[in-house]
Amino acid sequence: MKLYFKLIFLIFLLGFQPFNKVSAQYGNSLNNSPFKEGALVTAVKTGRLQDLVAALNSGASINEKDFDEVPALLLAIERSRVDMALYLLKQGARVNIKDQDNRTALSLAVFRDDPNLIKTLISYGGDPNKLGPNRQTPLIIASREGKFNSVKALLDGGAYPDDTDLTGRTALDWAKIKRFKRIEDLLIENGAYSN
C-alpha cells in the first residue's frame, strides 16, 4: 500500500514538469499560467475587434497561435470574422501561414464561398497553389466541396487546375465524382485536363 502511494506521489510530481517548462519558455506572456491564451487569440475567439486592435497595440505577435497551434488569421477566417482577418492582413499577418493540420487562410476561405475574401487573400500574397491537408490545394478543396464561387475566384487568381492530391485526383476529378457539373465545365474552360 505504501508503495502505491509513493508511486502516485511520484507520478503527481512528474506530471507537472511540462507546466514548469511552459512557464520557463513563455514567461510572463502567459501571465505565469500555462492555461491562458494570448490577448490576440482571445480577441479573435470572442469576436471583439477593439480587443484585437488593443492587443496589437500592446505588442502581441501578429501571427500568435492558440493552444492548438492555429494562427489568429486562420481563426478569424474559420470563425467568419472577415473584418478581423482583413485587419490582421493590413497589419502584416503572414497570409500563407499554416496550422498544425497544414491548413492555410485560402484553404479555409473556400468554405465561405466568398470570392471577395479569396481575391483579397490572393492580393495579399496568398498562394492559390499551396498544398494543404492531404496535399490538397484550395482549388481541389473548393471543387470537392462544390464551392463554385471559390473555384472561379481561385482560377482567376492563378490556381493550377491540374494539381493532384494524395489520392492522385485533380479538382476536375473531384467535381466529376461529386457530380458538380457547373464546376466541371468551369475547370475545363480554364484548361483542366479531361481524359
N, C-alpha and C. Protein backbone atom coordinates (compact mmCIF):
# COMPACT_ATOMS: atom_id res chain seq x y z
N MET A 1 0.83 -1.19 0.00
CA MET A 1 0.00 0.00 0.00
C MET A 1 0.87 1.25 0.00
N LYS A 2 1.98 1.23 0.81
CA LYS A 2 2.87 2.38 0.86
C LYS A 2 3.48 2.63 -0.52
N LEU A 3 3.86 1.57 -1.16
CA LEU A 3 4.46 1.67 -2.49
C LEU A 3 3.49 2.31 -3.47
N TYR A 4 2.23 1.97 -3.35
CA TYR A 4 1.19 2.53 -4.21
C TYR A 4 1.13 4.05 -4.05
N PHE A 5 1.11 4.54 -2.81
CA PHE A 5 1.04 5.98 -2.55
C PHE A 5 2.30 6.70 -3.01
N LYS A 6 3.45 6.05 -2.84
CA LYS A 6 4.71 6.64 -3.31
C LYS A 6 4.68 6.78 -4.82
N LEU A 7 4.18 5.77 -5.47
CA LEU A 7 4.09 5.79 -6.93
C LEU A 7 3.13 6.88 -7.40
N ILE A 8 2.00 7.02 -6.77
CA ILE A 8 1.03 8.07 -7.11
C ILE A 8 1.66 9.44 -6.89
N PHE A 9 2.36 9.61 -5.77
CA PHE A 9 3.01 10.89 -5.48
C PHE A 9 4.07 11.21 -6.52
N LEU A 10 4.84 10.22 -6.91
CA LEU A 10 5.88 10.41 -7.93
C LEU A 10 5.26 10.79 -9.27
N ILE A 11 4.20 10.13 -9.65
CA ILE A 11 3.51 10.46 -10.90
C ILE A 11 2.95 11.88 -10.83
N PHE A 12 2.42 12.24 -9.67
CA PHE A 12 1.88 13.59 -9.47
C PHE A 12 2.98 14.63 -9.67
N LEU A 13 4.13 14.40 -9.08
CA LEU A 13 5.24 15.35 -9.21
C LEU A 13 5.75 15.43 -10.65
N LEU A 14 5.93 14.30 -11.26
CA LEU A 14 6.44 14.28 -12.64
C LEU A 14 5.42 14.82 -13.62
N GLY A 15 4.17 14.64 -13.32
CA GLY A 15 3.11 15.09 -14.22
C GLY A 15 3.08 16.58 -14.42
N PHE A 16 3.59 17.35 -13.49
CA PHE A 16 3.55 18.80 -13.61
C PHE A 16 4.84 19.38 -14.16
N GLN A 17 5.82 18.56 -14.50
CA GLN A 17 7.07 19.07 -15.08
C GLN A 17 6.85 19.83 -16.38
N PRO A 18 6.01 19.36 -17.31
CA PRO A 18 5.82 20.12 -18.55
C PRO A 18 5.31 21.52 -18.31
N PHE A 19 4.48 21.72 -17.26
CA PHE A 19 3.97 23.06 -16.99
C PHE A 19 5.09 24.00 -16.59
N ASN A 20 6.07 23.48 -15.85
CA ASN A 20 7.21 24.31 -15.47
C ASN A 20 8.00 24.72 -16.71
N LYS A 21 8.13 23.81 -17.67
CA LYS A 21 8.84 24.13 -18.90
C LYS A 21 8.10 25.19 -19.70
N VAL A 22 6.77 25.08 -19.76
CA VAL A 22 5.97 26.07 -20.48
C VAL A 22 6.17 27.44 -19.86
N SER A 23 6.11 27.50 -18.53
CA SER A 23 6.27 28.77 -17.84
C SER A 23 7.65 29.35 -18.08
N ALA A 24 8.67 28.51 -18.04
CA ALA A 24 10.03 28.99 -18.28
C ALA A 24 10.20 29.47 -19.71
N GLN A 25 9.57 28.77 -20.65
CA GLN A 25 9.71 29.13 -22.06
C GLN A 25 8.98 30.41 -22.40
N TYR A 26 7.79 30.61 -21.88
CA TYR A 26 6.98 31.75 -22.27
C TYR A 26 6.94 32.87 -21.24
N GLY A 27 7.38 32.60 -20.04
CA GLY A 27 7.46 33.64 -19.02
C GLY A 27 6.14 34.34 -18.79
N ASN A 28 6.19 35.66 -18.73
CA ASN A 28 5.00 36.45 -18.41
C ASN A 28 4.02 36.58 -19.55
N SER A 29 4.39 36.14 -20.77
CA SER A 29 3.46 36.28 -21.88
C SER A 29 2.19 35.47 -21.64
N LEU A 30 2.27 34.50 -20.76
CA LEU A 30 1.07 33.73 -20.40
C LEU A 30 0.60 34.08 -18.99
N ASN A 31 1.06 35.20 -18.47
CA ASN A 31 0.69 35.62 -17.12
C ASN A 31 0.97 34.52 -16.10
N ASN A 32 2.09 33.83 -16.28
CA ASN A 32 2.54 32.75 -15.39
C ASN A 32 1.56 31.59 -15.31
N SER A 33 0.71 31.45 -16.28
CA SER A 33 -0.23 30.34 -16.29
C SER A 33 -0.18 29.66 -17.64
N PRO A 34 0.02 28.34 -17.64
CA PRO A 34 0.05 27.63 -18.92
C PRO A 34 -1.34 27.46 -19.52
N PHE A 35 -2.38 27.94 -18.84
CA PHE A 35 -3.74 27.74 -19.31
C PHE A 35 -4.36 28.96 -19.96
N LYS A 36 -3.61 30.04 -20.15
CA LYS A 36 -4.15 31.25 -20.75
C LYS A 36 -3.62 31.42 -22.16
N GLU A 37 -4.50 31.79 -23.07
CA GLU A 37 -4.07 32.12 -24.43
C GLU A 37 -3.74 33.60 -24.48
N GLY A 38 -3.00 33.99 -25.52
CA GLY A 38 -2.63 35.38 -25.68
C GLY A 38 -3.83 36.26 -25.96
N ALA A 39 -3.64 37.56 -25.78
CA ALA A 39 -4.72 38.53 -25.93
C ALA A 39 -5.25 38.58 -27.36
N LEU A 40 -4.37 38.41 -28.35
CA LEU A 40 -4.81 38.48 -29.74
C LEU A 40 -5.75 37.31 -30.07
N VAL A 41 -5.34 36.12 -29.71
CA VAL A 41 -6.17 34.93 -29.96
C VAL A 41 -7.49 35.04 -29.20
N THR A 42 -7.43 35.50 -27.96
CA THR A 42 -8.65 35.67 -27.17
C THR A 42 -9.60 36.66 -27.84
N ALA A 43 -9.05 37.74 -28.38
CA ALA A 43 -9.88 38.74 -29.07
C ALA A 43 -10.57 38.13 -30.29
N VAL A 44 -9.84 37.32 -31.05
CA VAL A 44 -10.44 36.68 -32.24
C VAL A 44 -11.53 35.71 -31.80
N LYS A 45 -11.24 34.92 -30.79
CA LYS A 45 -12.22 33.92 -30.33
C LYS A 45 -13.48 34.55 -29.76
N THR A 46 -13.35 35.73 -29.16
CA THR A 46 -14.53 36.40 -28.60
C THR A 46 -15.18 37.33 -29.62
N GLY A 47 -14.51 37.54 -30.76
CA GLY A 47 -15.08 38.36 -31.82
C GLY A 47 -15.06 39.85 -31.53
N ARG A 48 -14.12 40.31 -30.74
CA ARG A 48 -14.07 41.73 -30.36
C ARG A 48 -12.91 42.41 -31.08
N LEU A 49 -13.24 43.13 -32.15
CA LEU A 49 -12.23 43.81 -32.97
C LEU A 49 -11.45 44.83 -32.14
N GLN A 50 -12.12 45.55 -31.27
CA GLN A 50 -11.42 46.56 -30.47
C GLN A 50 -10.37 45.92 -29.55
N ASP A 51 -10.64 44.70 -29.07
CA ASP A 51 -9.66 43.99 -28.25
C ASP A 51 -8.49 43.51 -29.10
N LEU A 52 -8.77 43.14 -30.34
CA LEU A 52 -7.71 42.73 -31.26
C LEU A 52 -6.76 43.90 -31.52
N VAL A 53 -7.33 45.06 -31.79
CA VAL A 53 -6.53 46.27 -32.03
C VAL A 53 -5.70 46.60 -30.79
N ALA A 54 -6.32 46.52 -29.63
CA ALA A 54 -5.61 46.81 -28.37
C ALA A 54 -4.48 45.82 -28.13
N ALA A 55 -4.72 44.54 -28.44
CA ALA A 55 -3.68 43.52 -28.25
C ALA A 55 -2.47 43.81 -29.14
N LEU A 56 -2.74 44.18 -30.39
CA LEU A 56 -1.64 44.50 -31.30
C LEU A 56 -0.91 45.76 -30.85
N ASN A 57 -1.65 46.75 -30.39
CA ASN A 57 -1.04 47.98 -29.90
C ASN A 57 -0.21 47.74 -28.64
N SER A 58 -0.53 46.68 -27.92
CA SER A 58 0.21 46.33 -26.70
C SER A 58 1.39 45.41 -26.98
N GLY A 59 1.61 45.10 -28.26
CA GLY A 59 2.78 44.30 -28.62
C GLY A 59 2.55 42.83 -28.87
N ALA A 60 1.31 42.40 -29.00
CA ALA A 60 1.04 40.99 -29.30
C ALA A 60 1.60 40.65 -30.68
N SER A 61 2.05 39.42 -30.84
CA SER A 61 2.56 38.97 -32.13
C SER A 61 1.40 38.84 -33.12
N ILE A 62 1.58 39.40 -34.30
CA ILE A 62 0.54 39.37 -35.34
C ILE A 62 0.20 37.94 -35.76
N ASN A 63 1.16 37.02 -35.61
CA ASN A 63 0.96 35.63 -36.02
C ASN A 63 0.77 34.71 -34.82
N GLU A 64 0.28 35.27 -33.71
CA GLU A 64 0.05 34.50 -32.49
C GLU A 64 -0.85 33.30 -32.78
N LYS A 65 -0.56 32.18 -32.10
CA LYS A 65 -1.33 30.95 -32.28
C LYS A 65 -2.03 30.57 -30.98
N ASP A 66 -3.12 29.82 -31.13
CA ASP A 66 -3.81 29.32 -29.94
C ASP A 66 -3.14 28.03 -29.48
N PHE A 67 -3.72 27.38 -28.48
CA PHE A 67 -3.12 26.16 -27.93
C PHE A 67 -3.07 25.03 -28.95
N ASP A 68 -3.93 25.06 -29.94
CA ASP A 68 -3.93 24.04 -30.98
C ASP A 68 -3.04 24.41 -32.15
N GLU A 69 -2.23 25.46 -31.98
CA GLU A 69 -1.29 25.94 -33.00
C GLU A 69 -2.00 26.51 -34.23
N VAL A 70 -3.19 27.07 -34.03
CA VAL A 70 -3.91 27.72 -35.12
C VAL A 70 -3.63 29.22 -35.03
N PRO A 71 -3.04 29.80 -36.09
CA PRO A 71 -2.74 31.24 -36.07
C PRO A 71 -4.02 32.08 -36.03
N ALA A 72 -3.88 33.28 -35.49
CA ALA A 72 -5.02 34.19 -35.34
C ALA A 72 -5.73 34.45 -36.67
N LEU A 73 -4.99 34.60 -37.76
CA LEU A 73 -5.61 34.85 -39.07
C LEU A 73 -6.53 33.69 -39.46
N LEU A 74 -6.07 32.47 -39.28
CA LEU A 74 -6.89 31.31 -39.63
C LEU A 74 -8.11 31.20 -38.71
N LEU A 75 -7.92 31.53 -37.43
CA LEU A 75 -9.06 31.53 -36.50
C LEU A 75 -10.12 32.52 -36.95
N ALA A 76 -9.68 33.70 -37.39
CA ALA A 76 -10.63 34.73 -37.83
C ALA A 76 -11.43 34.25 -39.03
N ILE A 77 -10.76 33.62 -39.98
CA ILE A 77 -11.46 33.13 -41.18
C ILE A 77 -12.38 31.97 -40.80
N GLU A 78 -11.87 31.07 -39.99
CA GLU A 78 -12.66 29.91 -39.57
C GLU A 78 -13.93 30.34 -38.82
N ARG A 79 -13.86 31.43 -38.09
CA ARG A 79 -14.99 31.92 -37.31
C ARG A 79 -15.80 32.98 -38.05
N SER A 80 -15.55 33.11 -39.35
CA SER A 80 -16.28 34.06 -40.21
C SER A 80 -16.12 35.51 -39.75
N ARG A 81 -14.98 35.84 -39.20
CA ARG A 81 -14.68 37.21 -38.79
C ARG A 81 -13.80 37.87 -39.85
N VAL A 82 -14.41 38.17 -40.99
CA VAL A 82 -13.69 38.74 -42.12
C VAL A 82 -13.09 40.09 -41.74
N ASP A 83 -13.80 40.88 -40.93
CA ASP A 83 -13.26 42.17 -40.50
C ASP A 83 -11.94 42.01 -39.76
N MET A 84 -11.87 41.01 -38.91
CA MET A 84 -10.63 40.75 -38.17
C MET A 84 -9.54 40.22 -39.09
N ALA A 85 -9.92 39.33 -40.01
CA ALA A 85 -8.94 38.80 -40.95
C ALA A 85 -8.33 39.92 -41.78
N LEU A 86 -9.17 40.83 -42.27
CA LEU A 86 -8.67 41.96 -43.06
C LEU A 86 -7.76 42.86 -42.24
N TYR A 87 -8.14 43.10 -41.00
CA TYR A 87 -7.30 43.94 -40.14
C TYR A 87 -5.93 43.28 -39.90
N LEU A 88 -5.95 41.98 -39.64
CA LEU A 88 -4.69 41.25 -39.43
C LEU A 88 -3.81 41.30 -40.67
N LEU A 89 -4.43 41.14 -41.84
CA LEU A 89 -3.66 41.22 -43.10
C LEU A 89 -3.05 42.60 -43.27
N LYS A 90 -3.84 43.64 -43.01
CA LYS A 90 -3.34 45.01 -43.15
C LYS A 90 -2.19 45.29 -42.19
N GLN A 91 -2.19 44.60 -41.06
CA GLN A 91 -1.13 44.80 -40.06
C GLN A 91 0.07 43.89 -40.30
N GLY A 92 0.01 43.06 -41.35
CA GLY A 92 1.17 42.25 -41.72
C GLY A 92 1.13 40.78 -41.36
N ALA A 93 -0.04 40.23 -41.07
CA ALA A 93 -0.12 38.79 -40.79
C ALA A 93 0.35 38.01 -42.00
N ARG A 94 1.02 36.90 -41.75
CA ARG A 94 1.52 36.05 -42.84
C ARG A 94 0.34 35.29 -43.46
N VAL A 95 0.02 35.63 -44.69
CA VAL A 95 -1.17 35.08 -45.34
C VAL A 95 -1.02 33.58 -45.66
N ASN A 96 0.21 33.11 -45.85
CA ASN A 96 0.42 31.70 -46.19
C ASN A 96 0.80 30.84 -44.99
N ILE A 97 0.65 31.39 -43.79
CA ILE A 97 0.97 30.63 -42.58
C ILE A 97 0.04 29.42 -42.49
N LYS A 98 0.57 28.30 -41.97
CA LYS A 98 -0.22 27.08 -41.84
C LYS A 98 -0.43 26.74 -40.37
N ASP A 99 -1.48 25.98 -40.11
CA ASP A 99 -1.68 25.48 -38.76
C ASP A 99 -1.15 24.05 -38.67
N GLN A 100 -1.39 23.39 -37.55
CA GLN A 100 -0.87 22.04 -37.34
C GLN A 100 -1.47 21.02 -38.31
N ASP A 101 -2.61 21.33 -38.89
CA ASP A 101 -3.25 20.43 -39.85
C ASP A 101 -2.91 20.79 -41.29
N ASN A 102 -1.97 21.72 -41.46
CA ASN A 102 -1.50 22.12 -42.79
C ASN A 102 -2.50 22.99 -43.54
N ARG A 103 -3.46 23.57 -42.83
CA ARG A 103 -4.45 24.43 -43.47
C ARG A 103 -3.90 25.84 -43.61
N THR A 104 -4.29 26.52 -44.68
CA THR A 104 -3.91 27.91 -44.90
C THR A 104 -5.17 28.78 -44.88
N ALA A 105 -4.96 30.09 -44.93
CA ALA A 105 -6.10 31.01 -44.96
C ALA A 105 -6.98 30.72 -46.18
N LEU A 106 -6.36 30.49 -47.34
CA LEU A 106 -7.15 30.21 -48.54
C LEU A 106 -7.89 28.89 -48.45
N SER A 107 -7.25 27.87 -47.90
CA SER A 107 -7.94 26.57 -47.81
C SER A 107 -9.13 26.63 -46.87
N LEU A 108 -9.12 27.55 -45.91
CA LEU A 108 -10.29 27.74 -45.04
C LEU A 108 -11.32 28.66 -45.69
N ALA A 109 -10.84 29.66 -46.42
CA ALA A 109 -11.74 30.65 -47.03
C ALA A 109 -12.66 30.02 -48.07
N VAL A 110 -12.22 28.95 -48.72
CA VAL A 110 -13.07 28.34 -49.76
C VAL A 110 -14.40 27.86 -49.19
N PHE A 111 -14.43 27.50 -47.93
CA PHE A 111 -15.68 27.02 -47.34
C PHE A 111 -16.73 28.12 -47.21
N ARG A 112 -16.28 29.37 -47.16
CA ARG A 112 -17.21 30.51 -47.10
C ARG A 112 -17.80 30.81 -48.47
N ASP A 113 -17.13 30.33 -49.52
CA ASP A 113 -17.55 30.55 -50.91
C ASP A 113 -17.74 32.05 -51.19
N ASP A 114 -16.83 32.85 -50.65
CA ASP A 114 -16.86 34.30 -50.79
C ASP A 114 -15.72 34.72 -51.72
N PRO A 115 -16.04 35.02 -52.99
CA PRO A 115 -14.98 35.36 -53.94
C PRO A 115 -14.20 36.61 -53.54
N ASN A 116 -14.84 37.55 -52.87
CA ASN A 116 -14.13 38.76 -52.45
C ASN A 116 -13.06 38.44 -51.41
N LEU A 117 -13.37 37.57 -50.48
CA LEU A 117 -12.39 37.16 -49.47
C LEU A 117 -11.22 36.44 -50.14
N ILE A 118 -11.52 35.55 -51.06
CA ILE A 118 -10.46 34.81 -51.75
C ILE A 118 -9.58 35.76 -52.56
N LYS A 119 -10.20 36.68 -53.29
CA LYS A 119 -9.42 37.65 -54.06
C LYS A 119 -8.56 38.51 -53.15
N THR A 120 -9.10 38.89 -52.00
CA THR A 120 -8.33 39.70 -51.05
C THR A 120 -7.12 38.92 -50.53
N LEU A 121 -7.33 37.67 -50.15
CA LEU A 121 -6.21 36.85 -49.66
C LEU A 121 -5.14 36.70 -50.73
N ILE A 122 -5.55 36.50 -51.97
CA ILE A 122 -4.59 36.38 -53.07
C ILE A 122 -3.86 37.71 -53.28
N SER A 123 -4.59 38.82 -53.17
CA SER A 123 -3.95 40.13 -53.36
C SER A 123 -2.92 40.42 -52.27
N TYR A 124 -3.06 39.80 -51.11
CA TYR A 124 -2.08 39.94 -50.03
C TYR A 124 -0.97 38.89 -50.13
N GLY A 125 -0.94 38.15 -51.22
CA GLY A 125 0.12 37.17 -51.44
C GLY A 125 -0.26 35.74 -51.16
N GLY A 126 -1.54 35.49 -50.91
CA GLY A 126 -1.99 34.11 -50.67
C GLY A 126 -1.72 33.26 -51.90
N ASP A 127 -1.12 32.12 -51.70
CA ASP A 127 -0.75 31.23 -52.80
C ASP A 127 -1.90 30.26 -53.07
N PRO A 128 -2.58 30.40 -54.23
CA PRO A 128 -3.71 29.52 -54.52
C PRO A 128 -3.28 28.09 -54.84
N ASN A 129 -1.97 27.85 -54.92
CA ASN A 129 -1.47 26.51 -55.22
C ASN A 129 -0.74 25.87 -54.05
N LYS A 130 -0.82 26.49 -52.88
CA LYS A 130 -0.15 25.96 -51.70
C LYS A 130 -0.86 24.69 -51.24
N LEU A 131 -0.07 23.67 -51.01
CA LEU A 131 -0.64 22.39 -50.59
C LEU A 131 -1.10 22.46 -49.15
N GLY A 132 -2.27 21.90 -48.92
CA GLY A 132 -2.84 21.86 -47.58
C GLY A 132 -3.00 20.43 -47.12
N PRO A 133 -4.04 20.17 -46.33
CA PRO A 133 -4.27 18.81 -45.84
C PRO A 133 -4.39 17.81 -46.99
N ASN A 134 -3.76 16.66 -46.83
CA ASN A 134 -3.80 15.59 -47.84
C ASN A 134 -3.30 16.07 -49.21
N ARG A 135 -2.35 17.01 -49.19
CA ARG A 135 -1.76 17.58 -50.40
C ARG A 135 -2.83 18.22 -51.30
N GLN A 136 -3.91 18.68 -50.71
CA GLN A 136 -4.96 19.31 -51.49
C GLN A 136 -4.75 20.81 -51.56
N THR A 137 -4.86 21.35 -52.76
CA THR A 137 -4.79 22.79 -52.94
C THR A 137 -6.16 23.37 -52.60
N PRO A 138 -6.24 24.69 -52.40
CA PRO A 138 -7.56 25.29 -52.18
C PRO A 138 -8.54 24.98 -53.32
N LEU A 139 -8.03 24.91 -54.56
CA LEU A 139 -8.90 24.60 -55.70
C LEU A 139 -9.48 23.19 -55.59
N ILE A 140 -8.67 22.25 -55.20
CA ILE A 140 -9.17 20.87 -55.03
C ILE A 140 -10.23 20.82 -53.93
N ILE A 141 -9.96 21.51 -52.83
CA ILE A 141 -10.93 21.54 -51.72
C ILE A 141 -12.24 22.18 -52.18
N ALA A 142 -12.14 23.31 -52.87
CA ALA A 142 -13.35 24.01 -53.34
C ALA A 142 -14.14 23.13 -54.31
N SER A 143 -13.45 22.43 -55.19
CA SER A 143 -14.13 21.54 -56.15
C SER A 143 -14.80 20.38 -55.44
N ARG A 144 -14.09 19.79 -54.51
CA ARG A 144 -14.63 18.66 -53.75
C ARG A 144 -15.86 19.06 -52.95
N GLU A 145 -15.88 20.30 -52.45
CA GLU A 145 -16.99 20.78 -51.62
C GLU A 145 -18.10 21.45 -52.42
N GLY A 146 -17.93 21.59 -53.73
CA GLY A 146 -18.97 22.20 -54.56
C GLY A 146 -19.07 23.70 -54.41
N LYS A 147 -18.00 24.36 -54.12
CA LYS A 147 -17.98 25.82 -53.90
C LYS A 147 -17.63 26.53 -55.21
N PHE A 148 -18.63 26.73 -56.04
CA PHE A 148 -18.44 27.29 -57.38
C PHE A 148 -17.75 28.65 -57.36
N ASN A 149 -18.23 29.57 -56.52
CA ASN A 149 -17.64 30.91 -56.47
C ASN A 149 -16.18 30.86 -56.06
N SER A 150 -15.85 29.96 -55.14
CA SER A 150 -14.46 29.81 -54.71
C SER A 150 -13.61 29.26 -55.85
N VAL A 151 -14.13 28.28 -56.57
CA VAL A 151 -13.39 27.71 -57.71
C VAL A 151 -13.09 28.81 -58.72
N LYS A 152 -14.09 29.60 -59.05
CA LYS A 152 -13.91 30.67 -60.04
C LYS A 152 -12.87 31.69 -59.57
N ALA A 153 -12.98 32.13 -58.32
CA ALA A 153 -12.03 33.12 -57.78
C ALA A 153 -10.61 32.56 -57.75
N LEU A 154 -10.46 31.30 -57.40
CA LEU A 154 -9.13 30.69 -57.36
C LEU A 154 -8.53 30.56 -58.75
N LEU A 155 -9.35 30.16 -59.72
CA LEU A 155 -8.85 30.08 -61.10
C LEU A 155 -8.45 31.46 -61.60
N ASP A 156 -9.28 32.46 -61.31
CA ASP A 156 -8.95 33.84 -61.70
C ASP A 156 -7.67 34.31 -61.01
N GLY A 157 -7.39 33.76 -59.83
CA GLY A 157 -6.21 34.15 -59.06
C GLY A 157 -4.97 33.34 -59.38
N GLY A 158 -5.05 32.45 -60.37
CA GLY A 158 -3.86 31.73 -60.80
C GLY A 158 -3.73 30.30 -60.31
N ALA A 159 -4.80 29.71 -59.81
CA ALA A 159 -4.72 28.32 -59.35
C ALA A 159 -4.52 27.39 -60.54
N TYR A 160 -3.66 26.39 -60.35
CA TYR A 160 -3.42 25.38 -61.38
C TYR A 160 -4.53 24.34 -61.33
N PRO A 161 -5.24 24.12 -62.43
CA PRO A 161 -6.36 23.17 -62.38
C PRO A 161 -5.94 21.70 -62.38
N ASP A 162 -4.68 21.40 -62.71
CA ASP A 162 -4.30 20.00 -62.84
C ASP A 162 -3.44 19.47 -61.70
N ASP A 163 -3.31 20.21 -60.60
CA ASP A 163 -2.59 19.67 -59.43
C ASP A 163 -3.36 18.47 -58.90
N THR A 164 -2.63 17.54 -58.29
CA THR A 164 -3.26 16.34 -57.73
C THR A 164 -3.05 16.28 -56.22
N ASP A 165 -3.97 15.59 -55.55
CA ASP A 165 -3.86 15.40 -54.11
C ASP A 165 -3.21 14.05 -53.81
N LEU A 166 -3.23 13.63 -52.57
CA LEU A 166 -2.61 12.36 -52.18
C LEU A 166 -3.23 11.15 -52.89
N THR A 167 -4.48 11.27 -53.28
CA THR A 167 -5.15 10.15 -53.95
C THR A 167 -4.90 10.16 -55.45
N GLY A 168 -4.21 11.20 -55.94
CA GLY A 168 -3.96 11.32 -57.37
C GLY A 168 -5.09 12.01 -58.12
N ARG A 169 -6.05 12.56 -57.39
CA ARG A 169 -7.20 13.21 -58.02
C ARG A 169 -6.94 14.71 -58.20
N THR A 170 -7.48 15.23 -59.29
CA THR A 170 -7.43 16.67 -59.56
C THR A 170 -8.74 17.31 -59.12
N ALA A 171 -8.80 18.62 -59.24
CA ALA A 171 -10.05 19.33 -58.94
C ALA A 171 -11.17 18.83 -59.85
N LEU A 172 -10.84 18.60 -61.12
CA LEU A 172 -11.83 18.10 -62.07
C LEU A 172 -12.31 16.70 -61.68
N ASP A 173 -11.39 15.85 -61.26
CA ASP A 173 -11.79 14.51 -60.82
C ASP A 173 -12.80 14.59 -59.68
N TRP A 174 -12.54 15.48 -58.71
CA TRP A 174 -13.46 15.62 -57.58
C TRP A 174 -14.82 16.16 -58.04
N ALA A 175 -14.80 17.12 -58.95
CA ALA A 175 -16.06 17.68 -59.45
C ALA A 175 -16.88 16.59 -60.15
N LYS A 176 -16.20 15.72 -60.89
CA LYS A 176 -16.90 14.62 -61.57
C LYS A 176 -17.46 13.62 -60.57
N ILE A 177 -16.64 13.24 -59.58
CA ILE A 177 -17.08 12.28 -58.57
C ILE A 177 -18.31 12.80 -57.82
N LYS A 178 -18.29 14.07 -57.48
CA LYS A 178 -19.38 14.67 -56.70
C LYS A 178 -20.52 15.18 -57.59
N ARG A 179 -20.34 15.08 -58.90
CA ARG A 179 -21.35 15.49 -59.88
C ARG A 179 -21.69 16.98 -59.81
N PHE A 180 -20.64 17.77 -59.70
CA PHE A 180 -20.78 19.23 -59.73
C PHE A 180 -20.51 19.70 -61.16
N LYS A 181 -21.53 19.60 -62.01
CA LYS A 181 -21.40 19.85 -63.45
C LYS A 181 -20.91 21.27 -63.75
N ARG A 182 -21.44 22.27 -63.07
CA ARG A 182 -21.00 23.65 -63.32
C ARG A 182 -19.51 23.81 -63.04
N ILE A 183 -19.04 23.17 -61.98
CA ILE A 183 -17.62 23.25 -61.65
C ILE A 183 -16.80 22.49 -62.67
N GLU A 184 -17.28 21.32 -63.11
CA GLU A 184 -16.60 20.57 -64.17
C GLU A 184 -16.40 21.46 -65.40
N ASP A 185 -17.49 22.08 -65.85
CA ASP A 185 -17.44 22.92 -67.04
C ASP A 185 -16.47 24.09 -66.85
N LEU A 186 -16.53 24.71 -65.70
CA LEU A 186 -15.65 25.85 -65.41
C LEU A 186 -14.18 25.42 -65.43
N LEU A 187 -13.88 24.29 -64.84
CA LEU A 187 -12.50 23.80 -64.82
C LEU A 187 -12.00 23.49 -66.23
N ILE A 188 -12.84 22.85 -67.03
CA ILE A 188 -12.46 22.53 -68.41
C ILE A 188 -12.26 23.80 -69.21
N GLU A 189 -13.14 24.78 -69.03
CA GLU A 189 -12.98 26.08 -69.71
C GLU A 189 -11.66 26.75 -69.35
N ASN A 190 -11.16 26.45 -68.15
CA ASN A 190 -9.92 27.07 -67.67
C ASN A 190 -8.71 26.15 -67.82
N GLY A 191 -8.82 25.18 -68.72
CA GLY A 191 -7.66 24.39 -69.09
C GLY A 191 -7.43 23.11 -68.33
N ALA A 192 -8.37 22.67 -67.50
CA ALA A 192 -8.19 21.41 -66.79
C ALA A 192 -8.17 20.26 -67.79
N TYR A 193 -7.25 19.34 -67.58
CA TYR A 193 -7.13 18.20 -68.47
C TYR A 193 -8.25 17.21 -68.18
N SER A 194 -8.98 16.86 -69.24
CA SER A 194 -10.08 15.91 -69.11
C SER A 194 -9.76 14.68 -69.94
N ASN A 195 -9.71 13.54 -69.30
CA ASN A 195 -9.40 12.30 -70.04
C ASN A 195 -10.64 11.53 -70.38
